[in-house]
């Protein structure tokens, strides 16, 4: 193994460890969060004089299905176009080998 390969692999290990530590520090507080009941309340966490509020979720707005499909098709066409252009660019820079006659 060459020295450059060793440095690249060691660097990738260090970067992976740093990213995992960063994600742990970033998401651990929300993962271990919990709701604390108010002091002196009942065991359910609600005070005796409060009534639970009834909430009705109503979905309004959003995107229509045809818009989502249009975005997906446009992304697929754009990706295919860039793939073809990248392949042609790669083929144009390839050295031409002539067969011996």
PDB file of N, CA and C in Angstrom:
ATOM      1  N   UNK A   1       0.850  -1.161   0.000  1.00  0.00           N
ATOM      2  CA  UNK A   1       0.000   0.000   0.000  1.00  0.00           C
ATOM      3  C   UNK A   1       0.903   1.233   0.000  1.00  0.00           C
ATOM      4  N   UNK A   2       0.613   2.125  -0.894  1.00  0.00           N
ATOM      5  CA  UNK A   2       1.442   3.319  -0.981  1.00  0.00           C
ATOM      6  C   UNK A   2       1.110   4.284   0.157  1.00  0.00           C
ATOM      7  N   UNK A   3       1.954   5.251   0.303  1.00  0.00           N
ATOM      8  CA  UNK A   3       1.787   6.220   1.395  1.00  0.00           C
ATOM      9  C   UNK A   3       0.529   7.072   1.179  1.00  0.00           C
ATOM     10  N   UNK A   4       0.255   7.419  -0.068  1.00  0.00           N
ATOM     11  CA  UNK A   4      -0.925   8.232  -0.374  1.00  0.00           C
ATOM     12  C   UNK A   4      -2.200   7.473  -0.030  1.00  0.00           C
ATOM     13  N   UNK A   5      -2.255   6.191  -0.368  1.00  0.00           N
ATOM     14  CA  UNK A   5      -3.433   5.393  -0.036  1.00  0.00           C
ATOM     15  C   UNK A   5      -3.615   5.296   1.470  1.00  0.00           C
ATOM     16  N   UNK A   6      -2.519   5.152   2.197  1.00  0.00           N
ATOM     17  CA  UNK A   6      -2.605   5.079   3.650  1.00  0.00           C
ATOM     18  C   UNK A   6      -3.152   6.384   4.219  1.00  0.00           C
ATOM     19  N   UNK A   7      -2.679   7.510   3.694  1.00  0.00           N
ATOM     20  CA  UNK A   7      -3.137   8.816   4.179  1.00  0.00           C
ATOM     21  C   UNK A   7      -4.618   9.006   3.849  1.00  0.00           C
ATOM     22  N   UNK A   8      -5.039   8.610   2.646  1.00  0.00           N
ATOM     23  CA  UNK A   8      -6.449   8.741   2.266  1.00  0.00           C
ATOM     24  C   UNK A   8      -7.338   7.892   3.159  1.00  0.00           C
ATOM     25  N   UNK A   9      -6.931   6.648   3.418  1.00  0.00           N
ATOM     26  CA  UNK A   9      -7.746   5.772   4.262  1.00  0.00           C
ATOM     27  C   UNK A   9      -7.785   6.256   5.698  1.00  0.00           C
ATOM     28  N   UNK A  10      -6.661   6.693   6.212  1.00  0.00           N
ATOM     29  CA  UNK A  10      -6.637   7.212   7.586  1.00  0.00           C
ATOM     30  C   UNK A  10      -7.481   8.485   7.676  1.00  0.00           C
ATOM     31  N   UNK A  11      -7.390   9.320   6.671  1.00  0.00           N
ATOM     32  CA  UNK A  11      -8.206  10.537   6.655  1.00  0.00           C
ATOM     33  C   UNK A  11      -9.691  10.231   6.607  1.00  0.00           C
ATOM     34  N   UNK A  12     -10.071   9.228   5.813  1.00  0.00           N
ATOM     35  CA  UNK A  12     -11.489   8.881   5.743  1.00  0.00           C
ATOM     36  C   UNK A  12     -11.986   8.303   7.064  1.00  0.00           C
ATOM     37  N   UNK A  13     -11.147   7.558   7.765  1.00  0.00           N
ATOM     38  CA  UNK A  13     -11.538   7.032   9.075  1.00  0.00           C
ATOM     39  C   UNK A  13     -11.718   8.173  10.069  1.00  0.00           C
ATOM     40  N   UNK A  14     -10.814   9.133  10.053  1.00  0.00           N
ATOM     41  CA  UNK A  14     -10.910  10.271  10.964  1.00  0.00           C
ATOM     42  C   UNK A  14     -12.152  11.103  10.648  1.00  0.00           C
ATOM     43  N   UNK A  15     -12.433  11.319   9.367  1.00  0.00           N
ATOM     44  CA  UNK A  15     -13.613  12.091   8.982  1.00  0.00           C
ATOM     45  C   UNK A  15     -14.888  11.349   9.379  1.00  0.00           C
ATOM     46  N   UNK A  16     -14.930  10.030   9.190  1.00  0.00           N
ATOM     47  CA  UNK A  16     -16.110   9.259   9.577  1.00  0.00           C
ATOM     48  C   UNK A  16     -16.336   9.320  11.087  1.00  0.00           C
ATOM     49  N   UNK A  17     -15.259   9.220  11.859  1.00  0.00           N
ATOM     50  CA  UNK A  17     -15.394   9.313  13.318  1.00  0.00           C
ATOM     51  C   UNK A  17     -15.860  10.701  13.733  1.00  0.00           C
ATOM     52  N   UNK A  18     -15.347  11.729  13.100  1.00  0.00           N
ATOM     53  CA  UNK A  18     -15.755  13.097  13.431  1.00  0.00           C
ATOM     54  C   UNK A  18     -17.220  13.338  13.075  1.00  0.00           C
ATOM     55  N   UNK A  19     -17.657  12.810  11.938  1.00  0.00           N
ATOM     56  CA  UNK A  19     -19.059  12.979  11.547  1.00  0.00           C
ATOM     57  C   UNK A  19     -19.993  12.245  12.494  1.00  0.00           C
ATOM     58  N   UNK A  20     -19.626  11.050  12.909  1.00  0.00           N
ATOM     59  CA  UNK A  20     -20.485  10.322  13.843  1.00  0.00           C
ATOM     60  C   UNK A  20     -20.527  11.005  15.201  1.00  0.00           C
ATOM     61  N   UNK A  21     -19.413  11.532  15.655  1.00  0.00           N
ATOM     62  CA  UNK A  21     -19.400  12.268  16.924  1.00  0.00           C
ATOM     63  C   UNK A  21     -20.240  13.532  16.806  1.00  0.00           C
ATOM     64  N   UNK A  22     -20.116  14.232  15.697  1.00  0.00           N
ATOM     65  CA  UNK A  22     -20.908  15.445  15.481  1.00  0.00           C
ATOM     66  C   UNK A  22     -22.398  15.131  15.470  1.00  0.00           C
ATOM     67  N   UNK A  23     -22.801  14.061  14.787  1.00  0.00           N
ATOM     68  CA  UNK A  23     -24.215  13.714  14.747  1.00  0.00           C
ATOM     69  C   UNK A  23     -24.711  13.282  16.121  1.00  0.00           C
ATOM     70  N   UNK A  24     -23.877  12.611  16.897  1.00  0.00           N
ATOM     71  CA  UNK A  24     -24.281  12.228  18.244  1.00  0.00           C
ATOM     72  C   UNK A  24     -24.489  13.459  19.113  1.00  0.00           C
ATOM     73  N   UNK A  25     -23.573  14.410  19.034  1.00  0.00           N
ATOM     74  CA  UNK A  25     -23.685  15.631  19.828  1.00  0.00           C
ATOM     75  C   UNK A  25     -24.897  16.449  19.374  1.00  0.00           C
ATOM     76  N   UNK A  26     -25.177  16.440  18.086  1.00  0.00           N
ATOM     77  CA  UNK A  26     -26.264  17.237  17.553  1.00  0.00           C
ATOM     78  C   UNK A  26     -27.633  16.648  17.894  1.00  0.00           C
ATOM     79  N   UNK A  27     -27.777  15.317  17.805  1.00  0.00           N
ATOM     80  CA  UNK A  27     -29.089  14.708  17.949  1.00  0.00           C
ATOM     81  C   UNK A  27     -29.333  14.037  19.298  1.00  0.00           C
ATOM     82  N   UNK A  28     -28.329  13.873  20.119  1.00  0.00           N
ATOM     83  CA  UNK A  28     -28.537  13.213  21.402  1.00  0.00           C
ATOM     84  C   UNK A  28     -29.457  14.000  22.331  1.00  0.00           C
ATOM     85  N   UNK A  29     -29.360  15.315  22.429  1.00  0.00           N
ATOM     86  CA  UNK A  29     -30.274  16.012  23.332  1.00  0.00           C
ATOM     87  C   UNK A  29     -31.742  15.818  22.961  1.00  0.00           C
ATOM     88  N   UNK A  30     -32.059  15.816  21.678  1.00  0.00           N
ATOM     89  CA  UNK A  30     -33.455  15.620  21.293  1.00  0.00           C
ATOM     90  C   UNK A  30     -33.879  14.160  21.457  1.00  0.00           C
ATOM     91  N   UNK A  31     -32.945  13.245  21.363  1.00  0.00           N
ATOM     92  CA  UNK A  31     -33.301  11.832  21.517  1.00  0.00           C
ATOM     93  C   UNK A  31     -33.625  11.490  22.964  1.00  0.00           C
ATOM     94  N   UNK A  32     -32.965  12.150  23.903  1.00  0.00           N
ATOM     95  CA  UNK A  32     -33.179  11.852  25.312  1.00  0.00           C
ATOM     96  C   UNK A  32     -34.118  12.843  25.997  1.00  0.00           C
ATOM     97  N   UNK A  33     -34.755  13.715  25.236  1.00  0.00           N
ATOM     98  CA  UNK A  33     -35.658  14.700  25.821  1.00  0.00           C
ATOM     99  C   UNK A  33     -36.935  14.014  26.282  1.00  0.00           C
ATOM    100  N   UNK A  34     -37.515  14.546  27.338  1.00  0.00           N
ATOM    101  CA  UNK A  34     -38.803  14.040  27.807  1.00  0.00           C
ATOM    102  C   UNK A  34     -39.561  15.181  28.460  1.00  0.00           C
ATOM    103  N   UNK A  35     -40.869  15.010  28.537  1.00  0.00           N
ATOM    104  CA  UNK A  35     -41.723  16.028  29.110  1.00  0.00           C
ATOM    105  C   UNK A  35     -41.798  15.793  30.615  1.00  0.00           C
ATOM    106  N   UNK A  36     -41.461  16.808  31.364  1.00  0.00           N
ATOM    107  CA  UNK A  36     -41.498  16.709  32.820  1.00  0.00           C
ATOM    108  C   UNK A  36     -42.869  17.169  33.308  1.00  0.00           C
ATOM    109  N   UNK A  37     -43.505  16.404  34.195  1.00  0.00           N
ATOM    110  CA  UNK A  37     -44.795  16.845  34.726  1.00  0.00           C
ATOM    111  C   UNK A  37     -44.605  18.053  35.642  1.00  0.00           C
ATOM    112  N   UNK A  38     -45.610  18.902  35.710  1.00  0.00           N
ATOM    113  CA  UNK A  38     -45.478  20.053  36.594  1.00  0.00           C
ATOM    114  C   UNK A  38     -45.429  19.600  38.052  1.00  0.00           C
ATOM    115  N   UNK A  39     -44.718  20.328  38.892  1.00  0.00           N
ATOM    116  CA  UNK A  39     -44.621  19.918  40.297  1.00  0.00           C
ATOM    117  C   UNK A  39     -45.973  20.038  40.994  1.00  0.00           C
ATOM    118  N   UNK A  40     -46.291  19.046  41.815  1.00  0.00           N
ATOM    119  CA  UNK A  40     -47.525  19.063  42.590  1.00  0.00           C
ATOM    120  C   UNK A  40     -48.749  18.618  41.822  1.00  0.00           C
ATOM    121  N   UNK A  41     -48.610  18.212  40.592  1.00  0.00           N
ATOM    122  CA  UNK A  41     -49.746  17.786  39.781  1.00  0.00           C
ATOM    123  C   UNK A  41     -50.067  16.321  40.028  1.00  0.00           C
ATOM    124  N   UNK A  42     -51.072  15.843  39.339  1.00  0.00           N
ATOM    125  CA  UNK A  42     -51.418  14.429  39.461  1.00  0.00           C
ATOM    126  C   UNK A  42     -50.416  13.594  38.670  1.00  0.00           C
ATOM    127  N   UNK A  43     -50.549  12.305  38.744  1.00  0.00           N
ATOM    128  CA  UNK A  43     -49.614  11.417  38.074  1.00  0.00           C
ATOM    129  C   UNK A  43     -49.675  11.498  36.568  1.00  0.00           C
ATOM    130  N   UNK A  44     -50.792  12.007  35.998  1.00  0.00           N
ATOM    131  CA  UNK A  44     -50.922  12.067  34.547  1.00  0.00           C
ATOM    132  C   UNK A  44     -50.197  13.257  33.944  1.00  0.00           C
ATOM    133  N   UNK A  45     -49.715  14.166  34.762  1.00  0.00           N
ATOM    134  CA  UNK A  45     -49.012  15.319  34.238  1.00  0.00           C
ATOM    135  C   UNK A  45     -49.923  16.507  33.992  1.00  0.00           C
ATOM    136  N   UNK A  46     -51.241  16.350  34.196  1.00  0.00           N
ATOM    137  CA  UNK A  46     -52.176  17.448  34.007  1.00  0.00           C
ATOM    138  C   UNK A  46     -52.609  17.973  35.362  1.00  0.00           C
ATOM    139  N   UNK A  47     -52.763  19.245  35.462  1.00  0.00           N
ATOM    140  CA  UNK A  47     -53.248  19.789  36.723  1.00  0.00           C
ATOM    141  C   UNK A  47     -54.732  19.473  36.850  1.00  0.00           C
ATOM    142  N   UNK A  48     -55.269  19.390  38.061  1.00  0.00           N
ATOM    143  CA  UNK A  48     -56.665  18.970  38.242  1.00  0.00           C
ATOM    144  C   UNK A  48     -57.678  19.908  37.591  1.00  0.00           C
ATOM    145  N   UNK A  49     -57.400  21.199  37.450  1.00  0.00           N
ATOM    146  CA  UNK A  49     -58.386  22.108  36.909  1.00  0.00           C
ATOM    147  C   UNK A  49     -58.314  22.257  35.394  1.00  0.00           C
ATOM    148  N   UNK A  50     -57.315  21.695  34.734  1.00  0.00           N
ATOM    149  CA  UNK A  50     -57.219  21.857  33.280  1.00  0.00           C
ATOM    150  C   UNK A  50     -57.961  20.744  32.558  1.00  0.00           C
ATOM    151  N   UNK A  51     -58.600  21.115  31.472  1.00  0.00           N
ATOM    152  CA  UNK A  51     -59.290  20.135  30.635  1.00  0.00           C
ATOM    153  C   UNK A  51     -58.448  19.913  29.391  1.00  0.00           C
ATOM    154  N   UNK A  52     -58.325  18.670  28.939  1.00  0.00           N
ATOM    155  CA  UNK A  52     -57.548  18.446  27.725  1.00  0.00           C
ATOM    156  C   UNK A  52     -58.225  19.107  26.526  1.00  0.00           C
ATOM    157  N   UNK A  53     -57.436  19.708  25.695  1.00  0.00           N
ATOM    158  CA  UNK A  53     -57.945  20.396  24.516  1.00  0.00           C
ATOM    159  C   UNK A  53     -58.063  19.409  23.361  1.00  0.00           C
ATOM    160  N   UNK A  54     -59.191  19.459  22.670  1.00  0.00           N
ATOM    161  CA  UNK A  54     -59.406  18.597  21.516  1.00  0.00           C
ATOM    162  C   UNK A  54     -58.931  19.350  20.277  1.00  0.00           C
ATOM    163  N   UNK A  55     -58.057  18.724  19.530  1.00  0.00           N
ATOM    164  CA  UNK A  55     -57.499  19.350  18.337  1.00  0.00           C
ATOM    165  C   UNK A  55     -57.911  18.534  17.128  1.00  0.00           C
ATOM    166  N   UNK A  56     -58.434  19.217  16.119  1.00  0.00           N
ATOM    167  CA  UNK A  56     -58.794  18.547  14.867  1.00  0.00           C
ATOM    168  C   UNK A  56     -57.794  18.985  13.807  1.00  0.00           C
ATOM    169  N   UNK A  57     -57.058  18.026  13.293  1.00  0.00           N
ATOM    170  CA  UNK A  57     -56.080  18.343  12.257  1.00  0.00           C
ATOM    171  C   UNK A  57     -56.772  18.435  10.911  1.00  0.00           C
ATOM    172  N   UNK A  58     -56.544  19.518  10.225  1.00  0.00           N
ATOM    173  CA  UNK A  58     -57.110  19.723   8.905  1.00  0.00           C
ATOM    174  C   UNK A  58     -55.952  19.959   7.946  1.00  0.00           C
ATOM    175  N   UNK A  59     -55.916  19.162   6.891  1.00  0.00           N
ATOM    176  CA  UNK A  59     -54.853  19.307   5.910  1.00  0.00           C
ATOM    177  C   UNK A  59     -55.351  20.236   4.811  1.00  0.00           C
ATOM    178  N   UNK A  60     -54.651  21.332   4.630  1.00  0.00           N
ATOM    179  CA  UNK A  60     -55.012  22.254   3.561  1.00  0.00           C
ATOM    180  C   UNK A  60     -53.772  22.543   2.740  1.00  0.00           C
ATOM    181  N   UNK A  61     -53.973  22.852   1.515  1.00  0.00           N
ATOM    182  CA  UNK A  61     -52.846  23.194   0.659  1.00  0.00           C
ATOM    183  C   UNK A  61     -52.099  21.943   0.228  1.00  0.00           C
ATOM    184  N   UNK A  62     -50.812  22.094   0.079  1.00  0.00           N
ATOM    185  CA  UNK A  62     -49.990  20.984  -0.375  1.00  0.00           C
ATOM    186  C   UNK A  62     -49.850  21.001  -1.885  1.00  0.00           C
ATOM    187  N   UNK A  63     -49.206  19.986  -2.402  1.00  0.00           N
ATOM    188  CA  UNK A  63     -48.969  19.896  -3.837  1.00  0.00           C
ATOM    189  C   UNK A  63     -49.884  18.854  -4.447  1.00  0.00           C
ATOM    190  N   UNK A  64     -50.355  19.169  -5.629  1.00  0.00           N
ATOM    191  CA  UNK A  64     -51.183  18.213  -6.349  1.00  0.00           C
ATOM    192  C   UNK A  64     -50.302  17.082  -6.884  1.00  0.00           C
ATOM    193  N   UNK A  65     -50.904  15.946  -7.120  1.00  0.00           N
ATOM    194  CA  UNK A  65     -50.158  14.785  -7.593  1.00  0.00           C
ATOM    195  C   UNK A  65     -49.493  15.010  -8.931  1.00  0.00           C
ATOM    196  N   UNK A  66     -50.152  15.734  -9.827  1.00  0.00           N
ATOM    197  CA  UNK A  66     -49.569  15.970 -11.149  1.00  0.00           C
ATOM    198  C   UNK A  66     -48.337  16.841 -11.055  1.00  0.00           C
ATOM    199  N   UNK A  67     -48.279  17.746 -10.064  1.00  0.00           N
ATOM    200  CA  UNK A  67     -47.096  18.583  -9.901  1.00  0.00           C
ATOM    201  C   UNK A  67     -45.911  17.747  -9.416  1.00  0.00           C
ATOM    202  N   UNK A  68     -46.180  16.835  -8.503  1.00  0.00           N
ATOM    203  CA  UNK A  68     -45.111  15.956  -8.006  1.00  0.00           C
ATOM    204  C   UNK A  68     -44.587  15.079  -9.132  1.00  0.00           C
ATOM    205  N   UNK A  69     -45.506  14.538  -9.950  1.00  0.00           N
ATOM    206  CA  UNK A  69     -45.093  13.713 -11.080  1.00  0.00           C
ATOM    207  C   UNK A  69     -44.296  14.520 -12.093  1.00  0.00           C
ATOM    208  N   UNK A  70     -44.697  15.762 -12.335  1.00  0.00           N
ATOM    209  CA  UNK A  70     -43.983  16.621 -13.269  1.00  0.00           C
ATOM    210  C   UNK A  70     -42.575  16.919 -12.783  1.00  0.00           C
ATOM    211  N   UNK A  71     -42.424  17.170 -11.504  1.00  0.00           N
ATOM    212  CA  UNK A  71     -41.097  17.421 -10.934  1.00  0.00           C
ATOM    213  C   UNK A  71     -40.226  16.177 -11.058  1.00  0.00           C
ATOM    214  N   UNK A  72     -40.793  15.002 -10.783  1.00  0.00           N
ATOM    215  CA  UNK A  72     -40.027  13.761 -10.874  1.00  0.00           C
ATOM    216  C   UNK A  72     -39.585  13.492 -12.318  1.00  0.00           C
ATOM    217  N   UNK A  73     -40.472  13.706 -13.265  1.00  0.00           N
ATOM    218  CA  UNK A  73     -40.123  13.482 -14.674  1.00  0.00           C
ATOM    219  C   UNK A  73     -39.052  14.474 -15.119  1.00  0.00           C
ATOM    220  N   UNK A  74     -39.195  15.738 -14.730  1.00  0.00           N
ATOM    221  CA  UNK A  74     -38.203  16.742 -15.101  1.00  0.00           C
ATOM    222  C   UNK A  74     -36.839  16.416 -14.498  1.00  0.00           C
ATOM    223  N   UNK A  75     -36.819  15.949 -13.262  1.00  0.00           N
ATOM    224  CA  UNK A  75     -35.545  15.572 -12.632  1.00  0.00           C
ATOM    225  C   UNK A  75     -34.917  14.382 -13.353  1.00  0.00           C
ATOM    226  N   UNK A  76     -35.737  13.412 -13.763  1.00  0.00           N
ATOM    227  CA  UNK A  76     -35.209  12.249 -14.481  1.00  0.00           C
ATOM    228  C   UNK A  76     -34.648  12.646 -15.839  1.00  0.00           C
ATOM    229  N   UNK A  77     -35.349  13.511 -16.566  1.00  0.00           N
ATOM    230  CA  UNK A  77     -34.868  13.953 -17.873  1.00  0.00           C
ATOM    231  C   UNK A  77     -33.580  14.755 -17.724  1.00  0.00           C
ATOM    232  N   UNK A  78     -33.524  15.634 -16.741  1.00  0.00           N
ATOM    233  CA  UNK A  78     -32.329  16.436 -16.506  1.00  0.00           C
ATOM    234  C   UNK A  78     -31.137  15.556 -16.132  1.00  0.00           C
ATOM    235  N   UNK A  79     -31.364  14.568 -15.291  1.00  0.00           N
ATOM    236  CA  UNK A  79     -30.289  13.654 -14.900  1.00  0.00           C
ATOM    237  C   UNK A  79     -29.798  12.847 -16.095  1.00  0.00           C
ATOM    238  N   UNK A  80     -30.720  12.350 -16.907  1.00  0.00           N
ATOM    239  CA  UNK A  80     -30.320  11.585 -18.090  1.00  0.00           C
ATOM    240  C   UNK A  80     -29.541  12.457 -19.061  1.00  0.00           C
ATOM    241  N   UNK A  81     -29.954  13.712 -19.232  1.00  0.00           N
ATOM    242  CA  UNK A  81     -29.243  14.623 -20.126  1.00  0.00           C
ATOM    243  C   UNK A  81     -27.814  14.851 -19.652  1.00  0.00           C
ATOM    244  N   UNK A  82     -27.653  15.118 -18.356  1.00  0.00           N
ATOM    245  CA  UNK A  82     -26.312  15.323 -17.820  1.00  0.00           C
ATOM    246  C   UNK A  82     -25.463  14.057 -17.912  1.00  0.00           C
ATOM    247  N   UNK A  83     -26.081  12.884 -17.740  1.00  0.00           N
ATOM    248  CA  UNK A  83     -25.331  11.636 -17.859  1.00  0.00           C
ATOM    249  C   UNK A  83     -24.826  11.429 -19.280  1.00  0.00           C
ATOM    250  N   UNK A  84     -25.673  11.709 -20.263  1.00  0.00           N
ATOM    251  CA  UNK A  84     -25.258  11.563 -21.662  1.00  0.00           C
ATOM    252  C   UNK A  84     -24.158  12.559 -22.000  1.00  0.00           C
ATOM    253  N   UNK A  85     -24.307  13.807 -21.570  1.00  0.00           N
ATOM    254  CA  UNK A  85     -23.277  14.811 -21.835  1.00  0.00           C
ATOM    255  C   UNK A  85     -21.954  14.453 -21.165  1.00  0.00           C
ATOM    256  N   UNK A  86     -22.008  13.955 -19.934  1.00  0.00           N
ATOM    257  CA  UNK A  86     -20.778  13.564 -19.246  1.00  0.00           C
ATOM    258  C   UNK A  86     -20.109  12.392 -19.947  1.00  0.00           C
ATOM    259  N   UNK A  87     -20.907  11.438 -20.447  1.00  0.00           N
ATOM    260  CA  UNK A  87     -20.333  10.298 -21.162  1.00  0.00           C
ATOM    261  C   UNK A  87     -19.691  10.742 -22.470  1.00  0.00           C
ATOM    262  N   UNK A  88     -20.346  11.627 -23.197  1.00  0.00           N
ATOM    263  CA  UNK A  88     -19.767  12.122 -24.450  1.00  0.00           C
ATOM    264  C   UNK A  88     -18.509  12.930 -24.190  1.00  0.00           C
ATOM    265  N   UNK A  89     -18.486  13.695 -23.122  1.00  0.00           N
ATOM    266  CA  UNK A  89     -17.299  14.460 -22.774  1.00  0.00           C
ATOM    267  C   UNK A  89     -16.145  13.528 -22.417  1.00  0.00           C
ATOM    268  N   UNK A  90     -16.460  12.478 -21.692  1.00  0.00           N
ATOM    269  CA  UNK A  90     -15.431  11.505 -21.327  1.00  0.00           C
ATOM    270  C   UNK A  90     -14.910  10.774 -22.556  1.00  0.00           C
ATOM    271  N   UNK A  91     -15.798  10.437 -23.472  1.00  0.00           N
ATOM    272  CA  UNK A  91     -15.383   9.751 -24.693  1.00  0.00           C
ATOM    273  C   UNK A  91     -14.536  10.657 -25.582  1.00  0.00           C
ATOM    274  N   UNK A  92     -14.804  11.956 -25.577  1.00  0.00           N
ATOM    275  CA  UNK A  92     -14.048  12.854 -26.444  1.00  0.00           C
ATOM    276  C   UNK A  92     -12.624  13.065 -25.938  1.00  0.00           C
ATOM    277  N   UNK A  93     -12.387  12.877 -24.653  1.00  0.00           N
ATOM    278  CA  UNK A  93     -11.048  13.068 -24.099  1.00  0.00           C
ATOM    279  C   UNK A  93     -10.227  11.775 -24.073  1.00  0.00           C
ATOM    280  N   UNK A  94     -10.832  10.689 -24.478  1.00  0.00           N
ATOM    281  CA  UNK A  94     -10.127   9.418 -24.489  1.00  0.00           C
ATOM    282  C   UNK A  94      -9.135   9.395 -25.652  1.00  0.00           C
ATOM    283  N   UNK A  95      -7.966   8.842 -25.417  1.00  0.00           N
ATOM    284  CA  UNK A  95      -6.953   8.769 -26.474  1.00  0.00           C
ATOM    285  C   UNK A  95      -7.355   7.710 -27.499  1.00  0.00           C
ATOM    286  N   UNK A  96      -7.157   8.039 -28.756  1.00  0.00           N
ATOM    287  CA  UNK A  96      -7.506   7.135 -29.835  1.00  0.00           C
ATOM    288  C   UNK A  96      -6.322   6.210 -30.095  1.00  0.00           C
ATOM    289  N   UNK A  97      -6.589   4.915 -30.139  1.00  0.00           N
ATOM    290  CA  UNK A  97      -5.547   3.928 -30.424  1.00  0.00           C
ATOM    291  C   UNK A  97      -5.795   3.386 -31.822  1.00  0.00           C
ATOM    292  N   UNK A  98      -4.782   3.457 -32.619  1.00  0.00           N
ATOM    293  CA  UNK A  98      -4.870   2.928 -33.976  1.00  0.00           C
ATOM    294  C   UNK A  98      -4.312   1.529 -34.026  1.00  0.00           C
ATOM    295  N   UNK A  99      -5.006   0.660 -34.723  1.00  0.00           N
ATOM    296  CA  UNK A  99      -4.523  -0.698 -34.855  1.00  0.00           C
ATOM    297  C   UNK A  99      -3.383  -0.734 -35.864  1.00  0.00           C
ATOM    298  N   UNK A 100      -2.416  -1.591 -35.606  1.00  0.00           N
ATOM    299  CA  UNK A 100      -1.280  -1.703 -36.531  1.00  0.00           C
ATOM    300  C   UNK A 100      -1.755  -2.396 -37.807  1.00  0.00           C
ATOM    301  N   UNK A 101      -1.382  -1.841 -38.937  1.00  0.00           N
ATOM    302  CA  UNK A 101      -1.829  -2.411 -40.208  1.00  0.00           C
ATOM    303  C   UNK A 101      -0.762  -3.272 -40.843  1.00  0.00           C
TER     304      UNK A 101
END
